[in-house]
Amino acid sequence: MNTVTKKELTDRIADTTKAKRVLVKDIIQRFLDEMVSELARGNRLEFRDFGVFETRIRKPRMAQNPRTLERVPVPAKITVKFKVGRMLKDVIQKNAQIASSPRGSKSERSGASASQQASPPTP
């Protein structure tokens, strides 16, 4: 599994759209900033077929320090939950099946690459 950075995504988008990297970087950063501010306000972000981001309140609980075995209270806190959308889930499942297939799927044997099979439909 590889890690893809924001810079790498910025470079890819700039290359495919022929837009300047500075502009693409600014747009991506503004998008992320807007996501953060909406979640901080308690709003739910829904991207059809991709997924939903929403905040959840975790209840206070008692935990245990693994070194001392002392019981420690953990206060309530707000976390962000992401629920995977249908299209994203389908693409990930297809990639997982291709990767775990011992002899490869029929389409792999016929010459189609995994990236061609797993690419999401364009609107």
C-alpha atoms as a PDB file:
ATOM      1  CA  MET A   1       0.000   0.000   0.000  1.00  0.00           C
ATOM      2  CA  ASN A   2       1.407   3.388  -1.004  1.00  0.00           C
ATOM      3  CA  THR A   3       0.860   6.792   0.555  1.00  0.00           C
ATOM      4  CA  VAL A   4      -0.266   9.558  -1.779  1.00  0.00           C
ATOM      5  CA  THR A   5       0.375  13.105  -0.594  1.00  0.00           C
ATOM      6  CA  LYS A   6      -1.575  16.277  -1.227  1.00  0.00           C
ATOM      7  CA  LYS A   7       1.321  17.480  -3.386  1.00  0.00           C
ATOM      8  CA  GLU A   8       1.150  14.367  -5.568  1.00  0.00           C
ATOM      9  CA  LEU A   9      -2.600  14.797  -6.020  1.00  0.00           C
ATOM     10  CA  THR A  10      -2.069  18.472  -6.822  1.00  0.00           C
ATOM     11  CA  ASP A  11       0.523  17.568  -9.464  1.00  0.00           C
ATOM     12  CA  ARG A  12      -1.753  14.955 -11.050  1.00  0.00           C
ATOM     13  CA  ILE A  13      -4.731  17.302 -11.217  1.00  0.00           C
ATOM     14  CA  ALA A  14      -2.598  20.145 -12.579  1.00  0.00           C
ATOM     15  CA  ASP A  15      -1.171  17.855 -15.270  1.00  0.00           C
ATOM     16  CA  THR A  16      -4.557  16.502 -16.382  1.00  0.00           C
ATOM     17  CA  THR A  17      -6.344  19.864 -16.323  1.00  0.00           C
ATOM     18  CA  LYS A  18      -3.410  21.934 -17.634  1.00  0.00           C
ATOM     19  CA  ALA A  19      -4.043  24.354 -14.745  1.00  0.00           C
ATOM     20  CA  LYS A  20      -1.220  25.956 -12.789  1.00  0.00           C
ATOM     21  CA  ARG A  21      -0.082  23.975  -9.765  1.00  0.00           C
ATOM     22  CA  VAL A  22      -0.415  27.013  -7.507  1.00  0.00           C
ATOM     23  CA  LEU A  23      -4.088  27.407  -8.462  1.00  0.00           C
ATOM     24  CA  VAL A  24      -4.833  23.691  -8.007  1.00  0.00           C
ATOM     25  CA  LYS A  25      -3.047  23.665  -4.636  1.00  0.00           C
ATOM     26  CA  ASP A  26      -5.071  26.686  -3.502  1.00  0.00           C
ATOM     27  CA  ILE A  27      -8.369  25.095  -4.591  1.00  0.00           C
ATOM     28  CA  ILE A  28      -7.596  21.818  -2.832  1.00  0.00           C
ATOM     29  CA  GLN A  29      -6.567  23.640   0.351  1.00  0.00           C
ATOM     30  CA  ARG A  30      -9.693  25.818   0.308  1.00  0.00           C
ATOM     31  CA  PHE A  31     -11.835  22.711  -0.199  1.00  0.00           C
ATOM     32  CA  LEU A  32     -10.215  21.006   2.791  1.00  0.00           C
ATOM     33  CA  ASP A  33     -10.529  24.179   4.894  1.00  0.00           C
ATOM     34  CA  GLU A  34     -14.251  24.368   4.070  1.00  0.00           C
ATOM     35  CA  MET A  35     -14.705  20.715   5.026  1.00  0.00           C
ATOM     36  CA  VAL A  36     -13.011  21.341   8.370  1.00  0.00           C
ATOM     37  CA  SER A  37     -15.071  24.443   9.116  1.00  0.00           C
ATOM     38  CA  GLU A  38     -18.368  22.728   8.223  1.00  0.00           C
ATOM     39  CA  LEU A  39     -17.548  19.724  10.402  1.00  0.00           C
ATOM     40  CA  ALA A  40     -16.516  22.073  13.226  1.00  0.00           C
ATOM     41  CA  ARG A  41     -19.982  23.666  12.995  1.00  0.00           C
ATOM     42  CA  GLY A  42     -21.511  20.218  13.377  1.00  0.00           C
ATOM     43  CA  ASN A  43     -22.700  19.979   9.782  1.00  0.00           C
ATOM     44  CA  ARG A  44     -22.819  16.762   7.787  1.00  0.00           C
ATOM     45  CA  LEU A  45     -20.923  16.608   4.475  1.00  0.00           C
ATOM     46  CA  GLU A  46     -22.425  14.330   1.853  1.00  0.00           C
ATOM     47  CA  PHE A  47     -20.697  13.516  -1.424  1.00  0.00           C
ATOM     48  CA  ARG A  48     -23.018  11.279  -3.444  1.00  0.00           C
ATOM     49  CA  ASP A  49     -21.534   7.860  -4.256  1.00  0.00           C
ATOM     50  CA  PHE A  50     -18.282   8.787  -2.450  1.00  0.00           C
ATOM     51  CA  GLY A  51     -19.336   8.986   1.186  1.00  0.00           C
ATOM     52  CA  VAL A  52     -20.550  11.010   4.144  1.00  0.00           C
ATOM     53  CA  PHE A  53     -18.522  12.822   6.807  1.00  0.00           C
ATOM     54  CA  GLU A  54     -20.247  13.616  10.083  1.00  0.00           C
ATOM     55  CA  THR A  55     -19.314  14.367  13.666  1.00  0.00           C
ATOM     56  CA  ARG A  56     -20.208  12.030  16.506  1.00  0.00           C
ATOM     57  CA  ILE A  57     -19.965  12.445  20.256  1.00  0.00           C
ATOM     58  CA  ARG A  58     -18.134   9.619  21.999  1.00  0.00           C
ATOM     59  CA  LYS A  59     -19.474   8.950  25.473  1.00  0.00           C
ATOM     60  CA  PRO A  60     -17.241   9.320  28.507  1.00  0.00           C
ATOM     61  CA  ARG A  61     -15.845   5.992  29.666  1.00  0.00           C
ATOM     62  CA  MET A  62     -13.423   4.337  32.017  1.00  0.00           C
ATOM     63  CA  ALA A  63     -10.159   3.061  30.524  1.00  0.00           C
ATOM     64  CA  GLN A  64      -7.165   1.312  31.999  1.00  0.00           C
ATOM     65  CA  ASN A  65      -3.533   2.408  31.940  1.00  0.00           C
ATOM     66  CA  PRO A  66      -1.728  -0.646  30.478  1.00  0.00           C
ATOM     67  CA  ARG A  67       1.448  -0.039  32.530  1.00  0.00           C
ATOM     68  CA  THR A  68      -0.031   0.558  35.951  1.00  0.00           C
ATOM     69  CA  LEU A  69      -3.442  -1.097  35.400  1.00  0.00           C
ATOM     70  CA  GLU A  70      -4.929   1.989  37.057  1.00  0.00           C
ATOM     71  CA  ARG A  71      -8.481   2.895  35.992  1.00  0.00           C
ATOM     72  CA  VAL A  72      -8.566   6.269  34.262  1.00  0.00           C
ATOM     73  CA  PRO A  73     -11.639   8.302  33.260  1.00  0.00           C
ATOM     74  CA  VAL A  74     -11.750   9.291  29.581  1.00  0.00           C
ATOM     75  CA  PRO A  75     -13.940  12.362  28.943  1.00  0.00           C
ATOM     76  CA  ALA A  76     -16.508  12.617  26.173  1.00  0.00           C
ATOM     77  CA  LYS A  77     -15.124  13.845  22.870  1.00  0.00           C
ATOM     78  CA  ILE A  78     -16.225  14.673  19.371  1.00  0.00           C
ATOM     79  CA  THR A  79     -14.878  12.572  16.493  1.00  0.00           C
ATOM     80  CA  VAL A  80     -15.419  12.513  12.746  1.00  0.00           C
ATOM     81  CA  LYS A  81     -17.063   9.475  11.206  1.00  0.00           C
ATOM     82  CA  PHE A  82     -16.818   8.602   7.518  1.00  0.00           C
ATOM     83  CA  LYS A  83     -19.353   6.289   5.913  1.00  0.00           C
ATOM     84  CA  VAL A  84     -18.246   4.915   2.555  1.00  0.00           C
ATOM     85  CA  GLY A  85     -20.508   5.581  -0.431  1.00  0.00           C
ATOM     86  CA  ARG A  86     -21.725   3.010  -2.924  1.00  0.00           C
ATOM     87  CA  MET A  87     -19.405   3.780  -5.846  1.00  0.00           C
ATOM     88  CA  LEU A  88     -16.276   4.017  -3.679  1.00  0.00           C
ATOM     89  CA  LYS A  89     -17.174   0.763  -1.934  1.00  0.00           C
ATOM     90  CA  ASP A  90     -17.721  -1.014  -5.266  1.00  0.00           C
ATOM     91  CA  VAL A  91     -14.395   0.167  -6.709  1.00  0.00           C
ATOM     92  CA  ILE A  92     -12.494  -0.855  -3.572  1.00  0.00           C
ATOM     93  CA  GLN A  93     -14.183  -4.270  -3.540  1.00  0.00           C
ATOM     94  CA  LYS A  94     -13.299  -4.861  -7.207  1.00  0.00           C
ATOM     95  CA  ASN A  95      -9.653  -3.973  -6.532  1.00  0.00           C
ATOM     96  CA  ALA A  96      -9.570  -6.252  -3.473  1.00  0.00           C
ATOM     97  CA  GLN A  97     -10.978  -9.165  -5.487  1.00  0.00           C
ATOM     98  CA  ILE A  98      -8.462  -8.641  -8.271  1.00  0.00           C
ATOM     99  CA  ALA A  99      -5.555  -8.460  -5.816  1.00  0.00           C
ATOM    100  CA  SER A 100      -6.622 -11.602  -3.920  1.00  0.00           C
ATOM    101  CA  SER A 101      -7.477 -13.633  -7.010  1.00  0.00           C
ATOM    102  CA  PRO A 102      -4.898 -16.466  -7.303  1.00  0.00           C
ATOM    103  CA  ARG A 103      -4.935 -16.699 -11.095  1.00  0.00           C
ATOM    104  CA  GLY A 104      -6.440 -13.316 -11.941  1.00  0.00           C
ATOM    105  CA  SER A 105      -9.852 -12.568 -13.334  1.00  0.00           C
ATOM    106  CA  LYS A 106     -10.997 -13.218 -16.904  1.00  0.00           C
ATOM    107  CA  SER A 107     -10.549  -9.558 -17.816  1.00  0.00           C
ATOM    108  CA  GLU A 108      -6.964  -9.583 -16.473  1.00  0.00           C
ATOM    109  CA  ARG A 109      -6.150 -12.630 -18.585  1.00  0.00           C
ATOM    110  CA  SER A 110      -7.657 -10.900 -21.623  1.00  0.00           C
ATOM    111  CA  GLY A 111      -5.265  -7.975 -21.217  1.00  0.00           C
ATOM    112  CA  ALA A 112      -7.338  -5.345 -19.387  1.00  0.00           C
ATOM    113  CA  SER A 113      -5.399  -3.755 -16.556  1.00  0.00           C
ATOM    114  CA  ALA A 114      -6.694  -3.406 -13.003  1.00  0.00           C
ATOM    115  CA  SER A 115      -6.669   0.374 -13.300  1.00  0.00           C
ATOM    116  CA  GLN A 116      -8.903   0.224 -16.379  1.00  0.00           C
ATOM    117  CA  GLN A 117     -11.349  -2.090 -14.613  1.00  0.00           C
ATOM    118  CA  ALA A 118     -11.478  -0.132 -11.364  1.00  0.00           C
ATOM    119  CA  SER A 119     -11.746   3.400 -12.696  1.00  0.00           C
ATOM    120  CA  PRO A 120     -15.030   5.023 -11.668  1.00  0.00           C
ATOM    121  CA  PRO A 121     -17.501   6.020 -14.381  1.00  0.00           C
ATOM    122  CA  THR A 122     -17.136   9.594 -15.529  1.00  0.00           C
ATOM    123  CA  PRO A 123     -20.213  11.811 -15.214  1.00  0.00           C
END
